[in-house]
Amino acid sequence: MTKRRQHKAAFKARVALEALKNEQTVTELASRFGVHPTMIHQWKKALLEGASGVFERGAVSPSGAADAETVKTLHAKIGQLTVEKDFLEQGLRQLPGGSARR
């Protein structure tokens, strides 16, 4: 049994846009890009259904919320590491002959 191919989003978009142009038949596009005509129909339908989302105002991409949470977590970690570094530098200065190395 053969394994299914996974196509990248950019490839799917390119094929769907070609299908929307109507310069070639779906069968010709399928032969040209090496995919089944049914896939082209599905990608074209998905493109048409999702196209209105591009023009919505104030729409946040799903990854935008995750990015904000990641930034918040990373800022907290930076703060924690800064406090630990300062604590260790202070302890190093208290050792005999110790001076903070930079």
Protein backbone atom coordinates (compact mmCIF):
# COMPACT_ATOMS: atom_id res chain seq x y z
CA MET A 1 0.00 0.00 0.00
CA THR A 2 1.35 3.42 -0.90
CA LYS A 3 1.62 6.25 1.55
CA ARG A 4 -0.48 9.37 0.97
CA ARG A 5 1.40 12.47 -0.13
CA GLN A 6 1.14 15.57 2.01
CA HIS A 7 1.05 18.81 0.05
CA LYS A 8 2.11 22.14 1.51
CA ALA A 9 -0.40 24.96 1.82
CA ALA A 10 1.46 27.11 -0.71
CA PHE A 11 1.23 24.34 -3.31
CA LYS A 12 -2.48 23.86 -2.69
CA ALA A 13 -3.09 27.61 -2.98
CA ARG A 14 -1.15 27.81 -6.24
CA VAL A 15 -3.10 24.91 -7.76
CA ALA A 16 -6.44 26.33 -6.55
CA LEU A 17 -5.64 29.74 -8.01
CA GLU A 18 -4.73 28.14 -11.32
CA ALA A 19 -8.09 26.35 -11.25
CA LEU A 20 -9.87 29.66 -10.59
CA LYS A 21 -8.26 31.23 -13.64
CA ASN A 22 -10.09 28.73 -15.89
CA GLU A 23 -7.24 28.81 -18.41
CA GLN A 24 -6.91 25.02 -18.27
CA THR A 25 -9.35 22.26 -17.42
CA VAL A 26 -9.15 20.56 -14.06
CA THR A 27 -7.97 17.41 -15.81
CA GLU A 28 -5.12 19.32 -17.46
CA LEU A 29 -4.17 20.89 -14.13
CA ALA A 30 -4.26 17.50 -12.43
CA SER A 31 -1.88 16.11 -15.02
CA ARG A 32 0.37 19.17 -14.83
CA PHE A 33 0.65 19.18 -11.02
CA GLY A 34 0.43 15.42 -10.50
CA VAL A 35 -2.65 15.40 -8.27
CA HIS A 36 -6.13 13.94 -8.56
CA PRO A 37 -8.83 16.20 -10.04
CA THR A 38 -10.98 15.71 -6.93
CA MET A 39 -8.22 17.28 -4.83
CA ILE A 40 -8.17 20.33 -7.08
CA HIS A 41 -11.93 20.72 -6.70
CA GLN A 42 -11.61 20.46 -2.89
CA TRP A 43 -8.75 22.98 -2.73
CA LYS A 44 -10.61 25.39 -5.01
CA LYS A 45 -13.73 25.12 -2.81
CA ALA A 46 -11.68 25.68 0.35
CA LEU A 47 -10.02 28.73 -1.20
CA LEU A 48 -13.35 30.26 -2.17
CA GLU A 49 -14.87 29.58 1.28
CA GLY A 50 -11.88 30.99 3.16
CA ALA A 51 -11.19 33.99 0.94
CA SER A 52 -13.57 36.30 2.81
CA GLY A 53 -11.51 35.85 5.99
CA VAL A 54 -8.61 37.66 4.35
CA PHE A 55 -10.61 40.88 4.20
CA GLU A 56 -12.18 40.82 7.68
CA ARG A 57 -11.13 43.69 9.93
CA GLY A 58 -9.69 42.98 13.33
CA ALA A 59 -9.42 39.29 12.64
CA VAL A 60 -6.59 37.72 14.58
CA SER A 61 -4.93 34.69 13.12
CA PRO A 62 -5.13 31.57 15.28
CA SER A 63 -1.37 31.64 15.70
CA GLY A 64 -1.54 35.25 16.95
CA ALA A 65 -3.08 34.21 20.26
CA ALA A 66 -0.48 31.51 20.73
CA ASP A 67 2.29 33.96 19.88
CA ALA A 68 1.09 36.42 22.54
CA GLU A 69 1.06 33.64 25.15
CA THR A 70 4.53 32.52 24.12
CA VAL A 71 5.87 36.08 24.39
CA LYS A 72 4.35 36.42 27.87
CA THR A 73 5.95 33.14 28.99
CA LEU A 74 9.32 34.12 27.53
CA HIS A 75 9.26 37.52 29.25
CA ALA A 76 8.57 35.78 32.58
CA LYS A 77 11.49 33.42 31.98
CA ILE A 78 13.80 36.35 31.10
CA GLY A 79 12.83 38.06 34.35
CA GLN A 80 13.50 34.90 36.36
CA LEU A 81 16.90 34.37 34.75
CA THR A 82 17.87 38.03 35.30
CA VAL A 83 17.08 37.75 39.02
CA GLU A 84 19.08 34.51 39.29
CA LYS A 85 22.04 36.05 37.44
CA ASP A 86 22.05 39.12 39.68
CA PHE A 87 21.87 36.90 42.80
CA LEU A 88 24.81 34.79 41.67
CA GLU A 89 26.89 37.86 40.74
CA GLN A 90 26.29 39.30 44.21
CA GLY A 91 27.37 36.00 45.83
CA LEU A 92 30.45 35.87 43.63
CA ARG A 93 31.49 39.34 44.76
CA GLN A 94 31.32 38.22 48.40
CA LEU A 95 33.84 35.43 47.88
CA PRO A 96 37.48 36.18 48.78
CA GLY A 97 39.18 37.78 45.79
CA GLY A 98 35.93 37.53 43.87
CA SER A 99 34.78 40.07 41.37
CA ALA A 100 31.98 39.64 38.93
CA ARG A 101 33.21 38.50 35.55
CA ARG A 102 31.55 40.03 32.56
